[in-house]
């Protein structure tokens, strides 16, 4: 349902309680994830996925998301929608400190910032990383115990929270929930972080207040016509335009 947001590549990372499973491919979702052999390799009861529309870094396999790394304390997978405007500066600083980058994507800087943070728990290290980046982002991350969703303080890119079959779901658009019979709970607020665990869901506001800068091109181009943004039908907006 989110194929329209990126046709260059697609990936899924799942977790089975013991280890992470990663499948990243160039091309369309249907061409790569319709095969039973691929789905059988994605074991587990939790996962994050991504469709790529390259804005930073070329359309090559090492830039395909979700990106995954093994940290001290466990694995960490990251899917990102947006553009980090200071990513190159951060990358150079991290490389001087010894970080080894495997891609040319701006997303990887967040993984290194999280890994090298001197904060304690993973959530605090991730927040520490986000406070160092500038630009537009909606992130969904997966660790061994948590799924985290967060929007940048200006709310440039969209992220919605839903519920299906007893599980919470995060997605860029409501149409992703419609196709699986899910229920839309609400949109995440600008600067909001939600942490989903087996115990439930927690909401944080780790950033200071900022003026809303939602991307108008969601209404014009990016979003699918049958999605809702701010409770408004994308189709009705385009029809009025």
Protein backbone atom coordinates (compact mmCIF):
# COMPACT_ATOMS: atom_id res chain seq x y z
CA UNK A 1 0.00 0.00 0.00
CA UNK A 2 3.01 2.31 0.42
CA UNK A 3 4.74 1.31 -2.81
CA UNK A 4 3.96 4.74 -4.29
CA UNK A 5 6.29 6.35 -1.72
CA UNK A 6 9.30 4.69 -3.33
CA UNK A 7 9.79 2.35 -6.28
CA UNK A 8 13.59 1.98 -6.29
CA UNK A 9 14.07 -0.57 -3.53
CA UNK A 10 12.39 -2.19 -0.54
CA UNK A 11 13.44 -3.92 2.65
CA UNK A 12 12.15 -5.66 5.76
CA UNK A 13 13.84 -6.45 9.06
CA UNK A 14 12.14 -8.88 11.46
CA UNK A 15 12.96 -10.16 14.94
CA UNK A 16 12.09 -13.62 16.25
CA UNK A 17 13.03 -13.15 19.89
CA UNK A 18 16.55 -14.42 19.36
CA UNK A 19 17.94 -12.84 16.22
CA UNK A 20 17.18 -10.30 13.49
CA UNK A 21 16.48 -11.27 9.89
CA UNK A 22 17.22 -8.79 7.09
CA UNK A 23 15.95 -8.79 3.50
CA UNK A 24 16.81 -5.78 1.31
CA UNK A 25 16.32 -5.74 -2.45
CA UNK A 26 16.43 -3.41 -5.43
CA UNK A 27 13.01 -3.14 -7.10
CA UNK A 28 9.37 -3.31 -6.13
CA UNK A 29 7.81 -4.88 -3.04
CA UNK A 30 5.72 -7.30 -5.11
CA UNK A 31 8.71 -8.46 -7.12
CA UNK A 32 10.80 -9.23 -4.05
CA UNK A 33 8.48 -10.09 -1.18
CA UNK A 34 5.80 -12.15 -2.92
CA UNK A 35 8.07 -15.21 -2.90
CA UNK A 36 7.34 -17.69 -0.07
CA UNK A 37 11.07 -18.45 0.20
CA UNK A 38 11.78 -14.80 1.09
CA UNK A 39 8.93 -14.48 3.57
CA UNK A 40 9.94 -17.76 5.24
CA UNK A 41 13.33 -16.22 6.01
CA UNK A 42 11.67 -13.28 7.82
CA UNK A 43 10.87 -15.10 11.04
CA UNK A 44 9.37 -13.44 14.08
CA UNK A 45 6.31 -11.56 15.30
CA UNK A 46 7.58 -7.99 14.81
CA UNK A 47 9.11 -6.19 11.86
CA UNK A 48 9.71 -2.87 10.13
CA UNK A 49 9.76 -2.21 6.39
CA UNK A 50 10.69 0.56 3.98
CA UNK A 51 10.22 1.55 0.35
CA UNK A 52 13.03 3.69 -1.02
CA UNK A 53 12.78 6.92 -2.98
CA UNK A 54 16.41 8.03 -3.12
CA UNK A 55 17.03 11.65 -2.11
CA UNK A 56 20.43 11.17 -0.47
CA UNK A 57 22.80 8.46 -1.74
CA UNK A 58 22.49 6.46 -4.94
CA UNK A 59 20.04 3.68 -5.72
CA UNK A 60 22.41 0.88 -4.71
CA UNK A 61 21.86 -2.08 -2.42
CA UNK A 62 24.00 -0.79 0.45
CA UNK A 63 21.71 2.27 0.71
CA UNK A 64 18.50 0.24 0.93
CA UNK A 65 16.61 0.45 4.20
CA UNK A 66 15.86 -0.57 6.88
CA UNK A 67 19.47 -0.26 7.94
CA UNK A 68 20.67 -2.66 10.61
CA UNK A 69 23.58 -2.75 13.02
CA UNK A 70 24.66 -4.81 16.04
CA UNK A 71 25.22 -2.55 19.04
CA UNK A 72 26.63 -3.31 22.43
CA UNK A 73 23.44 -4.62 23.97
CA UNK A 74 21.73 -5.91 20.83
CA UNK A 75 20.63 -5.23 17.28
CA UNK A 76 19.06 -2.01 16.03
CA UNK A 77 17.17 -1.51 12.76
CA UNK A 78 16.23 1.91 11.38
CA UNK A 79 13.79 3.05 8.67
CA UNK A 80 13.80 6.75 7.81
CA UNK A 81 11.65 9.05 5.71
CA UNK A 82 13.11 12.52 5.16
CA UNK A 83 16.37 14.41 4.63
CA UNK A 84 19.03 15.20 7.22
CA UNK A 85 20.62 18.46 6.15
CA UNK A 86 23.72 18.17 8.39
CA UNK A 87 24.37 14.48 7.68
CA UNK A 88 27.59 15.06 5.72
CA UNK A 89 29.05 17.20 8.51
CA UNK A 90 28.11 14.58 11.09
CA UNK A 91 29.54 11.80 8.93
CA UNK A 92 32.91 13.55 8.70
CA UNK A 93 33.00 14.12 12.45
CA UNK A 94 32.12 10.48 13.13
CA UNK A 95 34.70 9.19 10.65
CA UNK A 96 37.40 11.23 12.40
CA UNK A 97 36.39 9.49 15.62
CA UNK A 98 36.72 6.07 13.96
CA UNK A 99 33.24 5.29 12.64
CA UNK A 100 33.22 3.19 9.46
CA UNK A 101 30.30 3.95 7.14
CA UNK A 102 28.87 1.21 4.92
CA UNK A 103 26.57 3.42 2.82
CA UNK A 104 26.21 6.90 1.34
CA UNK A 105 22.79 7.41 2.92
CA UNK A 106 22.18 10.18 5.45
CA UNK A 107 20.28 7.68 7.61
CA UNK A 108 23.44 5.84 8.63
CA UNK A 109 24.69 8.85 10.60
CA UNK A 110 21.85 8.32 13.09
CA UNK A 111 22.94 4.71 13.67
CA UNK A 112 26.52 5.80 14.44
CA UNK A 113 25.37 8.65 16.67
CA UNK A 114 23.18 6.24 18.64
CA UNK A 115 25.94 3.64 18.90
CA UNK A 116 28.55 6.14 20.14
CA UNK A 117 26.31 8.06 22.54
CA UNK A 118 27.42 8.00 26.16
CA UNK A 119 23.86 7.93 27.44
CA UNK A 120 22.57 4.81 29.17
CA UNK A 121 19.44 3.05 27.82
CA UNK A 122 18.88 2.73 24.07
CA UNK A 123 15.99 5.21 24.04
CA UNK A 124 18.17 7.86 25.68
CA UNK A 125 20.98 7.19 23.22
CA UNK A 126 18.57 7.47 20.29
CA UNK A 127 17.17 10.76 21.62
CA UNK A 128 20.73 12.02 22.06
CA UNK A 129 21.39 11.17 18.39
CA UNK A 130 18.21 12.91 17.21
CA UNK A 131 19.13 16.08 19.09
CA UNK A 132 22.29 16.30 16.96
CA UNK A 133 20.62 16.03 13.56
CA UNK A 134 18.91 18.74 11.54
CA UNK A 135 16.32 18.40 8.84
CA UNK A 136 13.15 16.45 8.17
CA UNK A 137 12.53 12.97 9.50
CA UNK A 138 10.09 10.33 10.53
CA UNK A 139 11.86 7.29 12.00
CA UNK A 140 10.65 3.82 12.86
CA UNK A 141 13.23 1.68 14.66
CA UNK A 142 13.29 -1.87 15.98
CA UNK A 143 15.38 -3.24 18.83
CA UNK A 144 15.15 -6.53 20.70
CA UNK A 145 12.59 -5.13 23.13
CA UNK A 146 11.12 -2.02 21.53
CA UNK A 147 9.70 -0.46 18.40
CA UNK A 148 10.14 3.32 18.36
CA UNK A 149 8.44 5.86 16.12
CA UNK A 150 9.35 9.55 16.09
CA UNK A 151 8.67 12.70 14.05
CA UNK A 152 10.97 15.70 13.86
CA UNK A 153 9.99 18.76 15.94
CA UNK A 154 8.66 20.58 12.86
CA UNK A 155 6.54 17.59 11.76
CA UNK A 156 7.73 17.80 8.15
CA UNK A 157 7.09 14.14 7.34
CA UNK A 158 3.99 12.15 8.37
CA UNK A 159 3.69 9.18 10.74
CA UNK A 160 0.50 7.53 11.96
CA UNK A 161 -0.21 5.08 14.75
CA UNK A 162 -2.68 2.28 14.25
CA UNK A 163 -3.87 -1.01 15.71
CA UNK A 164 -4.54 -4.40 14.11
CA UNK A 165 -5.09 -7.88 15.58
CA UNK A 166 -3.90 -6.84 19.03
CA UNK A 167 -0.73 -5.15 17.77
CA UNK A 168 0.32 -1.56 17.28
CA UNK A 169 1.39 -0.43 13.80
CA UNK A 170 3.31 2.63 12.62
CA UNK A 171 3.09 3.80 9.02
CA UNK A 172 3.58 6.87 6.85
CA UNK A 173 -0.04 6.87 5.69
CA UNK A 174 -3.46 5.65 6.76
CA UNK A 175 -3.92 3.66 3.53
CA UNK A 176 -1.35 1.15 4.86
CA UNK A 177 -3.68 0.39 7.76
CA UNK A 178 -6.80 0.22 5.60
CA UNK A 179 -5.44 -2.59 3.42
CA UNK A 180 -4.72 -4.87 6.42
CA UNK A 181 -7.99 -4.13 8.22
CA UNK A 182 -6.31 -1.94 10.79
CA UNK A 183 -7.72 0.92 12.83
CA UNK A 184 -6.16 4.36 12.76
CA UNK A 185 -5.58 5.62 16.31
CA UNK A 186 -4.03 9.01 15.51
CA UNK A 187 -1.18 10.84 13.86
CA UNK A 188 1.96 11.34 15.89
CA UNK A 189 2.40 14.98 16.83
CA UNK A 190 5.44 16.94 15.64
CA UNK A 191 8.34 16.13 17.96
CA UNK A 192 6.55 13.14 19.50
CA UNK A 193 8.16 9.78 20.13
CA UNK A 194 6.18 6.61 20.81
CA UNK A 195 7.80 3.53 22.36
CA UNK A 196 6.01 0.23 21.80
CA UNK A 197 6.82 -2.82 23.93
CA UNK A 198 5.03 -6.01 24.93
CA UNK A 199 3.71 -4.07 27.94
CA UNK A 200 2.04 -1.39 25.80
CA UNK A 201 2.82 2.03 24.42
CA UNK A 202 4.45 5.14 25.88
CA UNK A 203 4.55 8.66 24.43
CA UNK A 204 7.40 11.13 24.97
CA UNK A 205 8.08 14.71 23.91
CA UNK A 206 11.90 14.83 24.04
CA UNK A 207 12.34 18.04 22.03
CA UNK A 208 11.47 21.65 22.63
CA UNK A 209 8.49 23.27 20.90
CA UNK A 210 8.94 24.26 17.25
CA UNK A 211 6.78 25.80 14.57
CA UNK A 212 4.90 23.30 12.40
CA UNK A 213 6.37 22.87 8.92
CA UNK A 214 4.38 19.98 7.47
CA UNK A 215 5.35 19.26 3.85
CA UNK A 216 2.60 20.51 1.53
CA UNK A 217 3.77 18.04 -1.13
CA UNK A 218 2.17 15.23 0.88
CA UNK A 219 -1.16 16.74 -0.21
CA UNK A 220 0.04 17.45 -3.75
CA UNK A 221 2.16 14.43 -4.69
CA UNK A 222 3.59 11.98 -2.12
CA UNK A 223 0.48 10.62 -0.39
CA UNK A 224 -2.03 8.25 -1.94
CA UNK A 225 -5.46 9.74 -2.71
CA UNK A 226 -7.28 7.39 -0.32
CA UNK A 227 -5.15 8.42 2.68
CA UNK A 228 -6.15 10.89 5.37
CA UNK A 229 -3.85 13.59 6.71
CA UNK A 230 -4.97 15.69 9.67
CA UNK A 231 -8.36 14.04 9.25
CA UNK A 232 -8.64 15.36 5.71
CA UNK A 233 -9.01 13.22 2.58
CA UNK A 234 -6.08 13.64 0.18
CA UNK A 235 -8.49 13.07 -2.71
CA UNK A 236 -10.79 15.89 -1.57
CA UNK A 237 -7.84 18.27 -1.22
CA UNK A 238 -6.59 17.49 -4.74
CA UNK A 239 -10.06 17.82 -6.15
CA UNK A 240 -10.42 21.27 -4.60
CA UNK A 241 -6.97 22.30 -5.90
